[in-house]
Amino acid sequence: MFSPALSAGGAVERDFKLYMKNMVGKQSQVRRAREFKKAGGDVHHRHGASIAMGILDDYLATEVAEGCHLSWKRKQLKDTYKIERLLKK
């Protein structure tokens, strides 16, 4: 479920931190978490996985200024979609 690319100190980690700062920092964290949960499937008793899936979906669809190209970060984070399995249980 966890991708080393998000914490390896590389380009994807810097890109993700920029994304979180730009996208979440400007809005209410509670409201944004609810939006992520709904986007991630809003699965009852799996709220953490729903929020994570919503964050990943939004992040992988968002071009961050001075960040990674969409295709490259999707390739680096392809293994994180194991979260989908949690939501289907």
N, C-alpha and C. Protein backbone atom coordinates (compact mmCIF):
# COMPACT_ATOMS: atom_id res chain seq x y z
N MET A 1 0.82 -1.19 0.00
CA MET A 1 0.00 0.00 0.00
C MET A 1 0.86 1.24 0.00
N PHE A 2 2.01 1.19 0.61
CA PHE A 2 2.90 2.34 0.72
C PHE A 2 3.92 2.31 -0.41
N SER A 3 4.15 3.44 -1.02
CA SER A 3 5.12 3.52 -2.09
C SER A 3 6.37 4.24 -1.62
N PRO A 4 7.54 3.63 -1.78
CA PRO A 4 8.78 4.29 -1.39
C PRO A 4 9.00 5.62 -2.12
N ALA A 5 8.41 5.77 -3.30
CA ALA A 5 8.58 7.00 -4.07
C ALA A 5 8.06 8.22 -3.33
N LEU A 6 7.11 8.01 -2.40
CA LEU A 6 6.55 9.14 -1.65
C LEU A 6 7.44 9.59 -0.50
N SER A 7 8.44 8.80 -0.15
CA SER A 7 9.29 9.18 0.99
C SER A 7 10.78 9.00 0.74
N ALA A 8 11.16 8.83 -0.49
CA ALA A 8 12.56 8.56 -0.81
C ALA A 8 13.40 9.83 -0.97
N GLY A 9 12.78 10.98 -0.78
CA GLY A 9 13.50 12.23 -0.92
C GLY A 9 13.71 12.66 -2.36
N GLY A 10 13.01 12.00 -3.27
CA GLY A 10 13.17 12.30 -4.69
C GLY A 10 12.13 13.26 -5.22
N ALA A 11 12.02 13.26 -6.54
CA ALA A 11 11.13 14.20 -7.23
C ALA A 11 9.66 13.99 -6.87
N VAL A 12 9.24 12.75 -6.74
CA VAL A 12 7.83 12.49 -6.44
C VAL A 12 7.48 12.98 -5.03
N GLU A 13 8.37 12.77 -4.09
CA GLU A 13 8.12 13.26 -2.73
C GLU A 13 7.99 14.78 -2.71
N ARG A 14 8.90 15.47 -3.38
CA ARG A 14 8.83 16.94 -3.44
C ARG A 14 7.55 17.40 -4.13
N ASP A 15 7.18 16.70 -5.22
CA ASP A 15 5.97 17.02 -5.96
C ASP A 15 4.73 16.83 -5.09
N PHE A 16 4.69 15.73 -4.33
CA PHE A 16 3.54 15.45 -3.47
C PHE A 16 3.42 16.49 -2.36
N LYS A 17 4.55 16.89 -1.79
CA LYS A 17 4.52 17.93 -0.74
C LYS A 17 4.02 19.25 -1.30
N LEU A 18 4.44 19.61 -2.52
CA LEU A 18 3.93 20.83 -3.16
C LEU A 18 2.43 20.73 -3.39
N TYR A 19 1.99 19.57 -3.86
CA TYR A 19 0.57 19.34 -4.09
C TYR A 19 -0.23 19.54 -2.80
N MET A 20 0.22 18.89 -1.73
CA MET A 20 -0.50 19.00 -0.45
C MET A 20 -0.52 20.44 0.05
N LYS A 21 0.59 21.11 -0.08
CA LYS A 21 0.66 22.51 0.37
C LYS A 21 -0.28 23.39 -0.45
N ASN A 22 -0.30 23.18 -1.76
CA ASN A 22 -1.12 24.01 -2.64
C ASN A 22 -2.60 23.66 -2.60
N MET A 23 -2.92 22.37 -2.55
CA MET A 23 -4.31 21.95 -2.65
C MET A 23 -5.03 21.90 -1.31
N VAL A 24 -4.37 21.42 -0.30
CA VAL A 24 -5.03 21.24 0.99
C VAL A 24 -4.81 22.44 1.89
N GLY A 25 -3.65 23.06 1.81
CA GLY A 25 -3.32 24.17 2.68
C GLY A 25 -4.25 25.36 2.55
N LYS A 26 -4.88 25.52 1.39
CA LYS A 26 -5.74 26.66 1.15
C LYS A 26 -7.17 26.44 1.60
N GLN A 27 -7.51 25.21 1.95
CA GLN A 27 -8.89 24.89 2.28
C GLN A 27 -8.98 24.31 3.69
N SER A 28 -10.18 24.25 4.18
CA SER A 28 -10.42 23.60 5.47
C SER A 28 -10.03 22.13 5.36
N GLN A 29 -9.22 21.65 6.29
CA GLN A 29 -8.77 20.27 6.21
C GLN A 29 -9.92 19.29 6.40
N VAL A 30 -10.89 19.63 7.23
CA VAL A 30 -12.04 18.75 7.44
C VAL A 30 -12.84 18.64 6.15
N ARG A 31 -13.10 19.77 5.52
CA ARG A 31 -13.88 19.76 4.27
C ARG A 31 -13.14 19.00 3.19
N ARG A 32 -11.84 19.24 3.08
CA ARG A 32 -11.05 18.57 2.04
C ARG A 32 -10.98 17.07 2.29
N ALA A 33 -10.87 16.65 3.55
CA ALA A 33 -10.84 15.22 3.88
C ALA A 33 -12.16 14.56 3.48
N ARG A 34 -13.28 15.24 3.71
CA ARG A 34 -14.57 14.70 3.29
C ARG A 34 -14.64 14.55 1.78
N GLU A 35 -14.13 15.55 1.06
CA GLU A 35 -14.11 15.48 -0.41
C GLU A 35 -13.25 14.30 -0.88
N PHE A 36 -12.08 14.13 -0.25
CA PHE A 36 -11.22 13.00 -0.62
C PHE A 36 -11.90 11.67 -0.32
N LYS A 37 -12.60 11.59 0.82
CA LYS A 37 -13.27 10.34 1.18
C LYS A 37 -14.35 9.99 0.16
N LYS A 38 -15.14 10.98 -0.23
CA LYS A 38 -16.18 10.73 -1.24
C LYS A 38 -15.56 10.33 -2.58
N ALA A 39 -14.50 11.00 -2.97
CA ALA A 39 -13.84 10.69 -4.24
C ALA A 39 -13.20 9.30 -4.21
N GLY A 40 -12.81 8.86 -3.01
CA GLY A 40 -12.17 7.55 -2.87
C GLY A 40 -13.13 6.41 -2.67
N GLY A 41 -14.41 6.65 -2.80
CA GLY A 41 -15.40 5.59 -2.72
C GLY A 41 -16.29 5.65 -1.51
N ASP A 42 -15.93 6.43 -0.50
CA ASP A 42 -16.76 6.62 0.70
C ASP A 42 -17.22 5.29 1.30
N VAL A 43 -16.28 4.35 1.42
CA VAL A 43 -16.59 3.02 1.93
C VAL A 43 -16.70 3.06 3.45
N HIS A 44 -17.83 2.59 3.97
CA HIS A 44 -18.09 2.57 5.41
C HIS A 44 -17.10 1.64 6.10
N HIS A 45 -16.55 2.03 7.21
CA HIS A 45 -15.56 1.29 7.99
C HIS A 45 -14.21 1.16 7.28
N ARG A 46 -14.03 1.89 6.22
CA ARG A 46 -12.74 1.91 5.52
C ARG A 46 -12.42 3.37 5.15
N HIS A 47 -12.70 4.27 6.09
CA HIS A 47 -12.54 5.69 5.81
C HIS A 47 -11.10 6.07 5.50
N GLY A 48 -10.14 5.46 6.18
CA GLY A 48 -8.73 5.77 5.91
C GLY A 48 -8.33 5.41 4.50
N ALA A 49 -8.73 4.23 4.06
CA ALA A 49 -8.42 3.80 2.69
C ALA A 49 -9.17 4.65 1.67
N SER A 50 -10.40 5.03 1.99
CA SER A 50 -11.18 5.89 1.08
C SER A 50 -10.51 7.26 0.91
N ILE A 51 -10.05 7.82 2.02
CA ILE A 51 -9.38 9.12 1.96
C ILE A 51 -8.07 9.00 1.18
N ALA A 52 -7.30 7.95 1.46
CA ALA A 52 -6.03 7.74 0.74
C ALA A 52 -6.27 7.58 -0.75
N MET A 53 -7.30 6.82 -1.14
CA MET A 53 -7.59 6.63 -2.55
C MET A 53 -8.00 7.95 -3.19
N GLY A 54 -8.80 8.74 -2.49
CA GLY A 54 -9.21 10.04 -3.01
C GLY A 54 -8.03 10.98 -3.19
N ILE A 55 -7.10 10.97 -2.24
CA ILE A 55 -5.90 11.81 -2.35
C ILE A 55 -5.07 11.36 -3.54
N LEU A 56 -4.84 10.06 -3.66
CA LEU A 56 -4.03 9.56 -4.78
C LEU A 56 -4.66 9.87 -6.13
N ASP A 57 -5.97 9.64 -6.25
CA ASP A 57 -6.64 9.94 -7.51
C ASP A 57 -6.49 11.40 -7.89
N ASP A 58 -6.71 12.28 -6.92
CA ASP A 58 -6.61 13.71 -7.19
C ASP A 58 -5.17 14.11 -7.50
N TYR A 59 -4.23 13.59 -6.71
CA TYR A 59 -2.81 13.91 -6.93
C TYR A 59 -2.35 13.45 -8.31
N LEU A 60 -2.73 12.24 -8.69
CA LEU A 60 -2.28 11.69 -9.98
C LEU A 60 -2.96 12.36 -11.17
N ALA A 61 -4.00 13.14 -10.92
CA ALA A 61 -4.69 13.87 -11.99
C ALA A 61 -4.32 15.35 -12.01
N THR A 62 -3.46 15.78 -11.08
CA THR A 62 -3.14 17.20 -10.94
C THR A 62 -1.70 17.47 -11.34
N GLU A 63 -1.52 18.39 -12.26
CA GLU A 63 -0.20 18.84 -12.66
C GLU A 63 0.22 19.93 -11.68
N VAL A 64 1.33 19.72 -10.99
CA VAL A 64 1.82 20.66 -9.99
C VAL A 64 2.88 21.55 -10.65
N ALA A 65 2.75 22.86 -10.48
CA ALA A 65 3.74 23.78 -11.04
C ALA A 65 5.12 23.44 -10.49
N GLU A 66 6.10 23.36 -11.36
CA GLU A 66 7.47 23.01 -11.00
C GLU A 66 7.57 21.60 -10.42
N GLY A 67 6.62 20.74 -10.78
CA GLY A 67 6.61 19.38 -10.28
C GLY A 67 6.83 18.36 -11.38
N CYS A 68 6.50 17.14 -11.09
CA CYS A 68 6.68 16.02 -12.02
C CYS A 68 5.59 16.03 -13.10
N HIS A 69 5.93 15.42 -14.22
CA HIS A 69 4.93 15.22 -15.27
C HIS A 69 3.95 14.14 -14.80
N LEU A 70 2.70 14.26 -15.22
CA LEU A 70 1.67 13.32 -14.79
C LEU A 70 2.05 11.87 -15.11
N SER A 71 2.50 11.62 -16.32
CA SER A 71 2.80 10.24 -16.71
C SER A 71 3.94 9.65 -15.87
N TRP A 72 4.92 10.46 -15.54
CA TRP A 72 6.05 9.96 -14.77
C TRP A 72 5.65 9.62 -13.34
N LYS A 73 4.89 10.51 -12.70
CA LYS A 73 4.51 10.21 -11.31
C LYS A 73 3.52 9.05 -11.25
N ARG A 74 2.67 8.90 -12.27
CA ARG A 74 1.77 7.73 -12.30
C ARG A 74 2.57 6.44 -12.39
N LYS A 75 3.62 6.46 -13.19
CA LYS A 75 4.47 5.28 -13.33
C LYS A 75 5.17 4.96 -12.00
N GLN A 76 5.65 5.99 -11.30
CA GLN A 76 6.35 5.79 -10.04
C GLN A 76 5.43 5.29 -8.92
N LEU A 77 4.15 5.63 -9.00
CA LEU A 77 3.22 5.31 -7.92
C LEU A 77 2.21 4.22 -8.28
N LYS A 78 2.48 3.47 -9.34
CA LYS A 78 1.51 2.47 -9.78
C LYS A 78 1.22 1.41 -8.72
N ASP A 79 2.17 1.10 -7.87
CA ASP A 79 1.95 0.07 -6.85
C ASP A 79 1.06 0.53 -5.70
N THR A 80 0.79 1.81 -5.59
CA THR A 80 -0.04 2.31 -4.49
C THR A 80 -1.51 1.96 -4.69
N TYR A 81 -1.88 1.51 -5.86
CA TYR A 81 -3.28 1.18 -6.10
C TYR A 81 -3.70 -0.14 -5.45
N LYS A 82 -2.84 -0.70 -4.62
CA LYS A 82 -3.23 -1.85 -3.81
C LYS A 82 -4.31 -1.43 -2.81
N ILE A 83 -4.45 -0.14 -2.59
CA ILE A 83 -5.49 0.38 -1.70
C ILE A 83 -6.87 -0.04 -2.21
N GLU A 84 -7.02 -0.13 -3.52
CA GLU A 84 -8.32 -0.53 -4.10
C GLU A 84 -8.77 -1.88 -3.54
N ARG A 85 -7.83 -2.77 -3.31
CA ARG A 85 -8.17 -4.09 -2.78
C ARG A 85 -8.80 -3.97 -1.38
N LEU A 86 -8.28 -3.05 -0.58
CA LEU A 86 -8.84 -2.85 0.76
C LEU A 86 -10.29 -2.38 0.69
N LEU A 87 -10.57 -1.55 -0.28
CA LEU A 87 -11.90 -0.98 -0.40
C LEU A 87 -12.92 -2.01 -0.88
N LYS A 88 -12.46 -3.05 -1.55
CA LYS A 88 -13.38 -4.07 -2.09
C LYS A 88 -13.67 -5.18 -1.10
N LYS A 89 -12.94 -5.25 0.01
CA LYS A 89 -13.16 -6.31 1.00
C LYS A 89 -14.44 -6.11 1.76
